[in-house]
Amino acid sequence: MIETRLNNLALIAFFALFLFSASATAGNQKEEAMADSVRLALSNAISDARPPSPQFDDINQRMRYLRWLSDMSDRMKKKMPDPKVRLDFLATVWYEARRAGLDPALVLGLIQVESAFRKYAISSARAIGYMQVMPFWTRIVGDSDKRKLFHMQTNLRYGCSILRMYLDMERGNLFLALGRYNGSRGRAEYPNAILASWKRWEHKS
């Protein structure tokens, strides 16, 4: 009888821990007032239609990129079995992250926490896609077509641009910027989860 109660308590504790860890990364970006200059800059970043074609100053930079691409592709085989889909995704992550002044490993870490690399993920808060972008952003800085957030490059463009904006708003404080991205500014659970995931995607060149 006592053993049964202990097992039940252990089971309850397990589920409580599970629910806490699940809720730690739950949340959504908040629609907030922003200066017209910020809105315009974000809108311009989103509307830039150039394809993700990386440019390199020299052969060494290109070789570093190709080594990164090969390393990340090997790590992602189970998550994205199709090699073309996987390479297109990684090339776009690299391009959009660098374009926004972000570390591609940080972006991969955020995607892992936000959507587990599911293109069509939709959260309970209605956030969409790889980077779990809230649909209201398409109204504020886009063309109001939230369906486009299921498009890979569009979703990554929005997500990276929004995180860059939050970093600028928080004067480079990544902890607070990640909190804003998740709608939990000031709480540690979500930034800590992203930082831990970021380390898993770091590349040793």
N, C-alpha and C. Protein backbone atom coordinates (compact mmCIF):
# COMPACT_ATOMS: atom_id res chain seq x y z
N MET A 1 0.84 -1.21 0.00
CA MET A 1 0.00 0.00 0.00
C MET A 1 0.87 1.26 0.00
N ILE A 2 1.85 1.25 0.90
CA ILE A 2 2.77 2.40 0.98
C ILE A 2 3.55 2.52 -0.32
N GLU A 3 3.97 1.36 -0.84
CA GLU A 3 4.74 1.38 -2.09
C GLU A 3 3.89 1.94 -3.23
N THR A 4 2.61 1.57 -3.25
CA THR A 4 1.70 2.08 -4.29
C THR A 4 1.56 3.59 -4.20
N ARG A 5 1.41 4.09 -2.96
CA ARG A 5 1.29 5.55 -2.76
C ARG A 5 2.56 6.26 -3.21
N LEU A 6 3.71 5.67 -2.87
CA LEU A 6 4.98 6.29 -3.28
C LEU A 6 5.09 6.32 -4.80
N ASN A 7 4.67 5.23 -5.44
CA ASN A 7 4.70 5.21 -6.90
C ASN A 7 3.77 6.26 -7.50
N ASN A 8 2.59 6.41 -6.88
CA ASN A 8 1.64 7.42 -7.35
C ASN A 8 2.20 8.83 -7.18
N LEU A 9 2.85 9.06 -6.03
CA LEU A 9 3.46 10.37 -5.78
C LEU A 9 4.57 10.65 -6.78
N ALA A 10 5.35 9.62 -7.06
CA ALA A 10 6.43 9.78 -8.03
C ALA A 10 5.88 10.11 -9.40
N LEU A 11 4.75 9.43 -9.75
CA LEU A 11 4.12 9.69 -11.04
C LEU A 11 3.58 11.11 -11.12
N ILE A 12 2.95 11.55 -10.03
CA ILE A 12 2.43 12.93 -9.98
C ILE A 12 3.57 13.93 -10.11
N ALA A 13 4.67 13.67 -9.41
CA ALA A 13 5.83 14.57 -9.46
C ALA A 13 6.40 14.63 -10.87
N PHE A 14 6.43 13.46 -11.54
CA PHE A 14 6.94 13.42 -12.91
C PHE A 14 6.11 14.29 -13.84
N PHE A 15 4.78 14.12 -13.75
CA PHE A 15 3.90 14.90 -14.62
C PHE A 15 3.95 16.39 -14.28
N ALA A 16 4.12 16.71 -13.02
CA ALA A 16 4.25 18.13 -12.63
C ALA A 16 5.51 18.73 -13.23
N LEU A 17 6.61 17.96 -13.19
CA LEU A 17 7.85 18.43 -13.77
C LEU A 17 7.72 18.57 -15.28
N PHE A 18 7.00 17.59 -15.89
CA PHE A 18 6.79 17.64 -17.34
C PHE A 18 6.00 18.88 -17.73
N LEU A 19 4.92 19.14 -17.00
CA LEU A 19 4.09 20.30 -17.31
C LEU A 19 4.84 21.59 -17.10
N PHE A 20 5.68 21.64 -16.04
CA PHE A 20 6.46 22.85 -15.79
C PHE A 20 7.45 23.10 -16.92
N SER A 21 8.13 22.01 -17.35
CA SER A 21 9.12 22.19 -18.41
C SER A 21 8.45 22.56 -19.72
N ALA A 22 7.22 22.03 -19.95
CA ALA A 22 6.50 22.38 -21.17
C ALA A 22 6.06 23.83 -21.14
N SER A 23 5.60 24.30 -19.97
CA SER A 23 5.12 25.67 -19.87
C SER A 23 6.26 26.67 -19.85
N ALA A 24 7.47 26.20 -19.53
CA ALA A 24 8.61 27.12 -19.46
C ALA A 24 8.90 27.75 -20.80
N THR A 25 8.64 27.03 -21.87
CA THR A 25 8.91 27.57 -23.20
C THR A 25 7.64 28.01 -23.91
N ALA A 26 6.51 27.94 -23.22
CA ALA A 26 5.26 28.38 -23.83
C ALA A 26 5.13 29.89 -23.73
N GLY A 27 4.54 30.49 -24.73
CA GLY A 27 4.36 31.94 -24.71
C GLY A 27 4.24 32.46 -26.12
N ASN A 28 4.20 33.73 -26.27
CA ASN A 28 4.10 34.30 -27.60
C ASN A 28 4.55 35.75 -27.57
N GLN A 29 4.99 36.21 -28.76
CA GLN A 29 5.39 37.60 -28.87
C GLN A 29 4.18 38.50 -28.62
N LYS A 30 4.42 39.62 -27.98
CA LYS A 30 3.34 40.54 -27.65
C LYS A 30 3.28 41.67 -28.68
N GLU A 31 2.07 42.03 -29.05
CA GLU A 31 1.90 43.20 -29.91
C GLU A 31 2.07 44.42 -29.04
N GLU A 32 3.06 45.24 -29.37
CA GLU A 32 3.37 46.39 -28.52
C GLU A 32 3.63 47.61 -29.39
N ALA A 33 3.52 48.77 -28.77
CA ALA A 33 3.76 50.01 -29.49
C ALA A 33 5.23 50.10 -29.89
N MET A 34 5.46 50.58 -31.09
CA MET A 34 6.85 50.77 -31.53
C MET A 34 6.93 52.04 -32.35
N ALA A 35 8.09 52.64 -32.35
CA ALA A 35 8.30 53.88 -33.10
C ALA A 35 8.11 53.61 -34.59
N ASP A 36 7.68 54.64 -35.31
CA ASP A 36 7.48 54.49 -36.75
C ASP A 36 8.77 54.08 -37.44
N SER A 37 9.90 54.59 -36.98
CA SER A 37 11.19 54.25 -37.59
C SER A 37 11.50 52.77 -37.41
N VAL A 38 11.16 52.22 -36.25
CA VAL A 38 11.39 50.80 -35.99
C VAL A 38 10.48 49.96 -36.87
N ARG A 39 9.21 50.36 -36.95
CA ARG A 39 8.26 49.64 -37.79
C ARG A 39 8.69 49.67 -39.24
N LEU A 40 9.16 50.81 -39.72
CA LEU A 40 9.60 50.94 -41.10
C LEU A 40 10.82 50.08 -41.37
N ALA A 41 11.79 50.09 -40.44
CA ALA A 41 12.99 49.28 -40.60
C ALA A 41 12.65 47.79 -40.65
N LEU A 42 11.74 47.38 -39.78
CA LEU A 42 11.33 45.97 -39.75
C LEU A 42 10.57 45.61 -41.03
N SER A 43 9.70 46.51 -41.48
CA SER A 43 8.95 46.28 -42.70
C SER A 43 9.88 46.14 -43.90
N ASN A 44 10.90 46.98 -43.97
CA ASN A 44 11.87 46.92 -45.07
C ASN A 44 12.66 45.61 -45.03
N ALA A 45 13.00 45.18 -43.82
CA ALA A 45 13.73 43.92 -43.69
C ALA A 45 12.90 42.75 -44.15
N ILE A 46 11.61 42.77 -43.83
CA ILE A 46 10.72 41.68 -44.21
C ILE A 46 10.47 41.66 -45.72
N SER A 47 10.33 42.84 -46.32
CA SER A 47 9.93 42.93 -47.73
C SER A 47 11.08 42.71 -48.70
N ASP A 48 12.31 42.68 -48.22
CA ASP A 48 13.46 42.44 -49.09
C ASP A 48 13.35 41.02 -49.67
N ALA A 49 13.13 40.92 -50.96
CA ALA A 49 12.80 39.62 -51.57
C ALA A 49 14.01 38.88 -52.13
N ARG A 50 15.22 39.34 -51.82
CA ARG A 50 16.39 38.65 -52.37
C ARG A 50 16.45 37.20 -51.88
N PRO A 51 16.79 36.27 -52.76
CA PRO A 51 16.88 34.85 -52.36
C PRO A 51 18.08 34.63 -51.44
N PRO A 52 18.07 33.52 -50.69
CA PRO A 52 19.18 33.25 -49.76
C PRO A 52 20.43 32.76 -50.49
N SER A 53 21.13 33.68 -51.15
CA SER A 53 22.34 33.33 -51.89
C SER A 53 23.54 33.95 -51.19
N PRO A 54 24.26 33.17 -50.39
CA PRO A 54 25.38 33.73 -49.64
C PRO A 54 26.51 34.21 -50.55
N GLN A 55 27.13 35.31 -50.15
CA GLN A 55 28.26 35.87 -50.87
C GLN A 55 29.48 35.82 -49.96
N PHE A 56 30.64 35.52 -50.54
CA PHE A 56 31.86 35.37 -49.74
C PHE A 56 32.97 36.25 -50.31
N ASP A 57 33.74 36.82 -49.40
CA ASP A 57 34.84 37.69 -49.81
C ASP A 57 36.03 36.89 -50.33
N ASP A 58 36.22 35.68 -49.82
CA ASP A 58 37.35 34.86 -50.26
C ASP A 58 37.02 33.38 -50.11
N ILE A 59 37.90 32.55 -50.60
CA ILE A 59 37.69 31.10 -50.61
C ILE A 59 37.66 30.53 -49.20
N ASN A 60 38.39 31.14 -48.27
CA ASN A 60 38.40 30.63 -46.90
C ASN A 60 37.03 30.76 -46.24
N GLN A 61 36.37 31.90 -46.47
CA GLN A 61 35.02 32.08 -45.94
C GLN A 61 34.06 31.05 -46.53
N ARG A 62 34.18 30.82 -47.82
CA ARG A 62 33.31 29.84 -48.46
C ARG A 62 33.55 28.44 -47.90
N MET A 63 34.82 28.08 -47.69
CA MET A 63 35.14 26.76 -47.16
C MET A 63 34.61 26.60 -45.74
N ARG A 64 34.66 27.66 -44.93
CA ARG A 64 34.11 27.60 -43.56
C ARG A 64 32.60 27.37 -43.62
N TYR A 65 31.96 28.06 -44.56
CA TYR A 65 30.51 27.88 -44.73
C TYR A 65 30.18 26.45 -45.13
N LEU A 66 30.92 25.91 -46.08
CA LEU A 66 30.65 24.55 -46.55
C LEU A 66 30.90 23.51 -45.46
N ARG A 67 31.91 23.75 -44.62
CA ARG A 67 32.15 22.83 -43.50
C ARG A 67 31.01 22.91 -42.50
N TRP A 68 30.52 24.14 -42.24
CA TRP A 68 29.36 24.31 -41.34
C TRP A 68 28.14 23.59 -41.91
N LEU A 69 27.90 23.77 -43.20
CA LEU A 69 26.74 23.15 -43.85
C LEU A 69 26.81 21.63 -43.75
N SER A 70 27.98 21.07 -43.99
CA SER A 70 28.15 19.62 -43.91
C SER A 70 27.94 19.11 -42.49
N ASP A 71 28.50 19.82 -41.51
CA ASP A 71 28.37 19.43 -40.11
C ASP A 71 26.90 19.47 -39.66
N MET A 72 26.23 20.57 -39.96
CA MET A 72 24.83 20.71 -39.56
C MET A 72 23.93 19.70 -40.27
N SER A 73 24.24 19.43 -41.54
CA SER A 73 23.44 18.46 -42.28
C SER A 73 23.55 17.07 -41.65
N ASP A 74 24.74 16.69 -41.24
CA ASP A 74 24.92 15.40 -40.57
C ASP A 74 24.11 15.34 -39.28
N ARG A 75 24.09 16.44 -38.52
CA ARG A 75 23.38 16.46 -37.24
C ARG A 75 21.86 16.42 -37.42
N MET A 76 21.39 16.89 -38.57
CA MET A 76 19.95 17.04 -38.76
C MET A 76 19.30 15.92 -39.55
N LYS A 77 20.05 14.88 -39.87
CA LYS A 77 19.51 13.82 -40.74
C LYS A 77 18.23 13.20 -40.18
N LYS A 78 18.19 12.99 -38.88
CA LYS A 78 17.00 12.37 -38.29
C LYS A 78 15.82 13.33 -38.26
N LYS A 79 16.10 14.61 -38.11
CA LYS A 79 15.02 15.60 -38.04
C LYS A 79 14.47 15.92 -39.42
N MET A 80 15.35 15.94 -40.43
CA MET A 80 14.94 16.22 -41.81
C MET A 80 15.60 15.20 -42.71
N PRO A 81 14.97 14.06 -42.94
CA PRO A 81 15.61 12.99 -43.72
C PRO A 81 15.89 13.34 -45.18
N ASP A 82 15.04 14.17 -45.79
CA ASP A 82 15.22 14.52 -47.20
C ASP A 82 16.42 15.46 -47.34
N PRO A 83 17.47 15.04 -48.06
CA PRO A 83 18.69 15.87 -48.13
C PRO A 83 18.49 17.24 -48.76
N LYS A 84 17.65 17.32 -49.80
CA LYS A 84 17.42 18.62 -50.44
C LYS A 84 16.69 19.58 -49.50
N VAL A 85 15.64 19.08 -48.84
CA VAL A 85 14.90 19.91 -47.88
C VAL A 85 15.84 20.37 -46.77
N ARG A 86 16.65 19.45 -46.29
CA ARG A 86 17.57 19.74 -45.18
C ARG A 86 18.59 20.81 -45.58
N LEU A 87 19.20 20.66 -46.74
CA LEU A 87 20.23 21.61 -47.17
C LEU A 87 19.62 22.98 -47.49
N ASP A 88 18.43 22.99 -48.11
CA ASP A 88 17.75 24.26 -48.37
C ASP A 88 17.43 24.98 -47.06
N PHE A 89 16.95 24.22 -46.09
CA PHE A 89 16.62 24.79 -44.78
C PHE A 89 17.87 25.37 -44.12
N LEU A 90 18.95 24.61 -44.08
CA LEU A 90 20.17 25.08 -43.41
C LEU A 90 20.78 26.28 -44.13
N ALA A 91 20.77 26.26 -45.45
CA ALA A 91 21.31 27.40 -46.19
C ALA A 91 20.50 28.66 -45.90
N THR A 92 19.18 28.51 -45.77
CA THR A 92 18.32 29.65 -45.49
C THR A 92 18.50 30.13 -44.06
N VAL A 93 18.63 29.21 -43.11
CA VAL A 93 18.91 29.60 -41.72
C VAL A 93 20.20 30.40 -41.66
N TRP A 94 21.23 29.90 -42.30
CA TRP A 94 22.53 30.59 -42.28
C TRP A 94 22.40 32.00 -42.87
N TYR A 95 21.74 32.08 -44.03
CA TYR A 95 21.60 33.36 -44.72
C TYR A 95 20.79 34.35 -43.88
N GLU A 96 19.64 33.95 -43.40
CA GLU A 96 18.77 34.87 -42.66
C GLU A 96 19.36 35.25 -41.31
N ALA A 97 20.04 34.30 -40.65
CA ALA A 97 20.69 34.62 -39.38
C ALA A 97 21.79 35.65 -39.59
N ARG A 98 22.67 35.39 -40.54
CA ARG A 98 23.77 36.31 -40.80
C ARG A 98 23.25 37.67 -41.28
N ARG A 99 22.22 37.65 -42.08
CA ARG A 99 21.63 38.90 -42.57
C ARG A 99 21.12 39.76 -41.42
N ALA A 100 20.61 39.11 -40.37
CA ALA A 100 20.10 39.83 -39.20
C ALA A 100 21.16 40.05 -38.13
N GLY A 101 22.39 39.63 -38.40
CA GLY A 101 23.46 39.80 -37.42
C GLY A 101 23.36 38.84 -36.26
N LEU A 102 22.86 37.62 -36.52
CA LEU A 102 22.69 36.62 -35.48
C LEU A 102 23.58 35.41 -35.76
N ASP A 103 23.89 34.66 -34.73
CA ASP A 103 24.63 33.43 -34.87
C ASP A 103 23.66 32.35 -35.39
N PRO A 104 23.99 31.68 -36.50
CA PRO A 104 23.10 30.61 -36.98
C PRO A 104 22.82 29.54 -35.94
N ALA A 105 23.78 29.27 -35.06
CA ALA A 105 23.56 28.28 -34.00
C ALA A 105 22.49 28.74 -33.03
N LEU A 106 22.44 30.03 -32.76
CA LEU A 106 21.39 30.59 -31.90
C LEU A 106 20.03 30.38 -32.55
N VAL A 107 19.94 30.65 -33.85
CA VAL A 107 18.67 30.51 -34.56
C VAL A 107 18.24 29.04 -34.59
N LEU A 108 19.17 28.14 -34.82
CA LEU A 108 18.84 26.71 -34.80
C LEU A 108 18.37 26.28 -33.41
N GLY A 109 19.04 26.81 -32.38
CA GLY A 109 18.63 26.50 -31.02
C GLY A 109 17.23 27.00 -30.72
N LEU A 110 16.91 28.20 -31.20
CA LEU A 110 15.58 28.75 -30.99
C LEU A 110 14.53 27.93 -31.72
N ILE A 111 14.83 27.53 -32.95
CA ILE A 111 13.88 26.72 -33.72
C ILE A 111 13.63 25.38 -33.03
N GLN A 112 14.69 24.78 -32.50
CA GLN A 112 14.52 23.50 -31.82
C GLN A 112 13.57 23.63 -30.64
N VAL A 113 13.73 24.70 -29.86
CA VAL A 113 12.86 24.90 -28.69
C VAL A 113 11.45 25.28 -29.12
N GLU A 114 11.35 26.16 -30.11
CA GLU A 114 10.04 26.69 -30.49
C GLU A 114 9.16 25.68 -31.24
N SER A 115 9.73 24.97 -32.21
CA SER A 115 8.90 24.13 -33.08
C SER A 115 9.42 22.72 -33.28
N ALA A 116 10.59 22.41 -32.70
CA ALA A 116 11.23 21.10 -32.93
C ALA A 116 11.41 20.86 -34.43
N PHE A 117 11.71 21.93 -35.18
CA PHE A 117 11.98 21.86 -36.61
C PHE A 117 10.77 21.41 -37.43
N ARG A 118 9.57 21.75 -36.94
CA ARG A 118 8.35 21.42 -37.68
C ARG A 118 7.86 22.65 -38.44
N LYS A 119 7.85 22.54 -39.73
CA LYS A 119 7.49 23.66 -40.61
C LYS A 119 6.07 24.14 -40.37
N TYR A 120 5.15 23.22 -40.10
CA TYR A 120 3.74 23.57 -39.98
C TYR A 120 3.26 23.59 -38.53
N ALA A 121 4.18 23.78 -37.60
CA ALA A 121 3.80 23.83 -36.19
C ALA A 121 2.93 25.05 -35.92
N ILE A 122 1.89 24.85 -35.12
CA ILE A 122 1.03 25.95 -34.66
C ILE A 122 0.85 25.78 -33.16
N SER A 123 1.18 26.82 -32.40
CA SER A 123 1.09 26.75 -30.95
C SER A 123 -0.32 27.05 -30.47
N SER A 124 -0.55 26.84 -29.19
CA SER A 124 -1.86 27.16 -28.61
C SER A 124 -2.14 28.66 -28.69
N ALA A 125 -1.08 29.47 -28.79
CA ALA A 125 -1.25 30.92 -28.93
C ALA A 125 -1.37 31.33 -30.39
N ARG A 126 -1.37 30.33 -31.30
CA ARG A 126 -1.51 30.52 -32.76
C ARG A 126 -0.23 31.00 -33.42
N ALA A 127 0.91 30.88 -32.75
CA ALA A 127 2.19 31.17 -33.40
C ALA A 127 2.45 30.11 -34.45
N ILE A 128 3.13 30.51 -35.52
CA ILE A 128 3.21 29.69 -36.73
C ILE A 128 4.64 29.35 -37.13
N GLY A 129 4.83 28.11 -37.56
CA GLY A 129 6.03 27.71 -38.28
C GLY A 129 7.28 27.48 -37.46
N TYR A 130 8.39 27.36 -38.17
CA TYR A 130 9.67 27.05 -37.56
C TYR A 130 10.00 27.94 -36.36
N MET A 131 9.86 29.26 -36.54
CA MET A 131 10.25 30.20 -35.49
C MET A 131 9.06 30.73 -34.71
N GLN A 132 7.90 30.09 -34.90
CA GLN A 132 6.70 30.40 -34.13
C GLN A 132 6.41 31.91 -34.11
N VAL A 133 6.18 32.42 -35.29
CA VAL A 133 5.90 33.85 -35.48
C VAL A 133 4.41 34.09 -35.28
N MET A 134 4.07 35.11 -34.50
CA MET A 134 2.66 35.44 -34.29
C MET A 134 2.08 36.11 -35.55
N PRO A 135 0.86 35.73 -35.95
CA PRO A 135 0.27 36.26 -37.18
C PRO A 135 0.12 37.78 -37.22
N PHE A 136 0.01 38.43 -36.07
CA PHE A 136 -0.21 39.88 -36.09
C PHE A 136 0.94 40.62 -36.76
N TRP A 137 2.13 39.99 -36.81
CA TRP A 137 3.27 40.66 -37.46
C TRP A 137 3.01 40.89 -38.95
N THR A 138 2.27 39.99 -39.58
CA THR A 138 2.00 40.18 -41.01
C THR A 138 1.13 41.40 -41.24
N ARG A 139 0.33 41.77 -40.26
CA ARG A 139 -0.50 42.97 -40.37
C ARG A 139 0.33 44.22 -40.10
N ILE A 140 1.24 44.14 -39.14
CA ILE A 140 2.01 45.32 -38.73
C ILE A 140 3.09 45.68 -39.75
N VAL A 141 3.81 44.66 -40.25
CA VAL A 141 4.95 44.96 -41.13
C VAL A 141 4.91 44.21 -42.45
N GLY A 142 3.85 43.44 -42.70
CA GLY A 142 3.77 42.67 -43.94
C GLY A 142 2.55 43.01 -44.76
N ASP A 143 2.04 42.00 -45.46
CA ASP A 143 0.89 42.22 -46.35
C ASP A 143 -0.39 41.60 -45.79
N SER A 144 -0.37 41.24 -44.50
CA SER A 144 -1.52 40.66 -43.79
C SER A 144 -1.86 39.23 -44.20
N ASP A 145 -1.00 38.60 -45.00
CA ASP A 145 -1.25 37.22 -45.41
C ASP A 145 -0.49 36.29 -44.47
N LYS A 146 -1.16 35.85 -43.41
CA LYS A 146 -0.48 35.02 -42.42
C LYS A 146 -0.13 33.63 -42.95
N ARG A 147 -0.74 33.22 -44.05
CA ARG A 147 -0.41 31.92 -44.62
C ARG A 147 1.04 31.86 -45.08
N LYS A 148 1.60 33.01 -45.42
CA LYS A 148 2.99 33.05 -45.87
C LYS A 148 3.97 32.65 -44.77
N LEU A 149 3.51 32.67 -43.52
CA LEU A 149 4.39 32.28 -42.42
C LEU A 149 4.70 30.78 -42.44
N PHE A 150 3.98 30.01 -43.26
CA PHE A 150 4.30 28.60 -43.44
C PHE A 150 5.39 28.41 -44.50
N HIS A 151 5.72 29.49 -45.23
CA HIS A 151 6.80 29.42 -46.20
C HIS A 151 8.12 29.52 -45.46
N MET A 152 9.05 28.64 -45.78
CA MET A 152 10.28 28.53 -45.00
C MET A 152 11.04 29.86 -44.89
N GLN A 153 11.41 30.46 -46.02
CA GLN A 153 12.23 31.66 -45.94
C GLN A 153 11.47 32.80 -45.30
N THR A 154 10.18 32.92 -45.59
CA THR A 154 9.38 33.99 -45.00
C THR A 154 9.36 33.85 -43.48
N ASN A 155 9.14 32.64 -42.99
CA ASN A 155 9.09 32.42 -41.55
C ASN A 155 10.43 32.74 -40.90
N LEU A 156 11.51 32.29 -41.52
CA LEU A 156 12.84 32.56 -40.96
C LEU A 156 13.18 34.05 -41.05
N ARG A 157 12.73 34.69 -42.13
CA ARG A 157 12.97 36.14 -42.28
C ARG A 157 12.27 36.91 -41.16
N TYR A 158 11.00 36.60 -40.94
CA TYR A 158 10.26 37.26 -39.86
C TYR A 158 10.93 36.98 -38.51
N GLY A 159 11.18 35.70 -38.22
CA GLY A 159 11.72 35.35 -36.91
C GLY A 159 13.05 36.01 -36.62
N CYS A 160 13.97 35.95 -37.58
CA CYS A 160 15.29 36.55 -37.38
C CYS A 160 15.20 38.07 -37.27
N SER A 161 14.38 38.68 -38.09
CA SER A 161 14.23 40.14 -38.06
C SER A 161 13.60 40.60 -36.75
N ILE A 162 12.62 39.85 -36.26
CA ILE A 162 11.97 40.22 -34.99
C ILE A 162 12.95 40.08 -33.83
N LEU A 163 13.72 38.98 -33.81
CA LEU A 163 14.70 38.81 -32.73
C LEU A 163 15.75 39.90 -32.79
N ARG A 164 16.19 40.28 -34.00
CA ARG A 164 17.16 41.37 -34.15
C ARG A 164 16.58 42.68 -33.60
N MET A 165 15.31 42.93 -33.90
CA MET A 165 14.66 44.14 -33.39
C MET A 165 14.63 44.13 -31.87
N TYR A 166 14.28 43.00 -31.27
CA TYR A 166 14.24 42.90 -29.81
C TYR A 166 15.63 43.09 -29.21
N LEU A 167 16.65 42.56 -29.87
CA LEU A 167 18.02 42.76 -29.38
C LEU A 167 18.38 44.24 -29.39
N ASP A 168 18.00 44.93 -30.45
CA ASP A 168 18.27 46.37 -30.53
C ASP A 168 17.49 47.13 -29.45
N MET A 169 16.23 46.73 -29.25
CA MET A 169 15.42 47.38 -28.22
C MET A 169 16.01 47.18 -26.83
N GLU A 170 16.61 46.00 -26.61
CA GLU A 170 17.19 45.69 -25.30
C GLU A 170 18.68 45.99 -25.24
N ARG A 171 19.17 46.76 -26.21
CA ARG A 171 20.57 47.20 -26.25
C ARG A 171 21.55 46.04 -26.14
N GLY A 172 21.26 44.98 -26.89
CA GLY A 172 22.15 43.84 -26.96
C GLY A 172 22.00 42.81 -25.87
N ASN A 173 21.07 43.01 -24.96
CA ASN A 173 20.86 42.05 -23.87
C ASN A 173 20.06 40.86 -24.40
N LEU A 174 20.76 39.76 -24.67
CA LEU A 174 20.12 38.60 -25.28
C LEU A 174 19.08 37.97 -24.36
N PHE A 175 19.35 37.95 -23.07
CA PHE A 175 18.42 37.37 -22.10
C PHE A 175 17.05 38.06 -22.19
N LEU A 176 17.06 39.39 -22.19
CA LEU A 176 15.81 40.14 -22.25
C LEU A 176 15.17 40.06 -23.64
N ALA A 177 16.02 40.05 -24.68
CA ALA A 177 15.49 39.96 -26.05
C ALA A 177 14.78 38.63 -26.27
N LEU A 178 15.35 37.55 -25.77
CA LEU A 178 14.70 36.25 -25.89
C LEU A 178 13.40 36.21 -25.10
N GLY A 179 13.40 36.85 -23.94
CA GLY A 179 12.17 36.94 -23.17
C GLY A 179 11.08 37.65 -23.93
N ARG A 180 11.43 38.74 -24.61
CA ARG A 180 10.44 39.45 -25.43
C ARG A 180 9.94 38.55 -26.56
N TYR A 181 10.85 37.81 -27.17
CA TYR A 181 10.47 36.94 -28.29
C TYR A 181 9.42 35.93 -27.85
N ASN A 182 9.55 35.45 -26.63
CA ASN A 182 8.65 34.44 -26.10
C ASN A 182 7.45 35.03 -25.36
N GLY A 183 7.46 36.33 -25.13
CA GLY A 183 6.39 36.95 -24.36
C GLY A 183 6.53 36.71 -22.88
N SER A 184 7.76 36.46 -22.42
CA SER A 184 7.99 36.19 -20.99
C SER A 184 9.18 36.99 -20.47
N ARG A 185 9.28 38.24 -20.91
CA ARG A 185 10.43 39.07 -20.55
C ARG A 185 10.63 39.12 -19.04
N GLY A 186 11.88 38.88 -18.61
CA GLY A 186 12.22 38.92 -17.20
C GLY A 186 12.23 37.56 -16.53
N ARG A 187 11.62 36.55 -17.19
CA ARG A 187 11.63 35.19 -16.63
C ARG A 187 12.79 34.41 -17.24
N ALA A 188 13.34 33.48 -16.47
CA ALA A 188 14.57 32.81 -16.87
C ALA A 188 14.36 31.53 -17.68
N GLU A 189 13.17 30.91 -17.56
CA GLU A 189 13.02 29.57 -18.12
C GLU A 189 13.28 29.53 -19.63
N TYR A 190 12.64 30.43 -20.36
CA TYR A 190 12.76 30.39 -21.82
C TYR A 190 14.17 30.77 -22.29
N PRO A 191 14.74 31.90 -21.86
CA PRO A 191 16.11 32.20 -22.29
C PRO A 191 17.09 31.09 -21.95
N ASN A 192 16.96 30.49 -20.78
CA ASN A 192 17.87 29.41 -20.40
C ASN A 192 17.71 28.20 -21.33
N ALA A 193 16.48 27.90 -21.72
CA ALA A 193 16.24 26.79 -22.64
C ALA A 193 16.89 27.06 -24.00
N ILE A 194 16.76 28.30 -24.48
CA ILE A 194 17.36 28.66 -25.77
C ILE A 194 18.88 28.61 -25.69
N LEU A 195 19.46 29.14 -24.63
CA LEU A 195 20.92 29.16 -24.50
C LEU A 195 21.48 27.75 -24.43
N ALA A 196 20.77 26.85 -23.74
CA ALA A 196 21.21 25.45 -23.68
C ALA A 196 21.14 24.80 -25.06
N SER A 197 20.06 25.09 -25.78
CA SER A 197 19.90 24.53 -27.12
C SER A 197 20.93 25.12 -28.09
N TRP A 198 21.23 26.40 -27.93
CA TRP A 198 22.23 27.07 -28.77
C TRP A 198 23.56 26.32 -28.72
N LYS A 199 23.98 25.91 -27.53
CA LYS A 199 25.27 25.22 -27.37
C LYS A 199 25.31 23.92 -28.15
N ARG A 200 24.16 23.26 -28.30
CA ARG A 200 24.12 21.99 -29.02
C ARG A 200 24.38 22.16 -30.51
N TRP A 201 24.15 23.36 -31.02
CA TRP A 201 24.30 23.60 -32.45
C TRP A 201 25.56 24.39 -32.80
N GLU A 202 26.41 24.62 -31.84
CA GLU A 202 27.65 25.33 -32.12
C GLU A 202 28.55 24.48 -33.02
N HIS A 203 29.24 25.14 -33.92
CA HIS A 203 30.12 24.46 -34.87
C HIS A 203 31.57 24.81 -34.57
N LYS A 204 32.40 23.79 -34.46
CA LYS A 204 33.84 24.00 -34.26
C LYS A 204 34.52 24.01 -35.62
N SER A 205 34.86 25.21 -36.07
CA SER A 205 35.46 25.34 -37.41
C SER A 205 36.94 25.01 -37.38
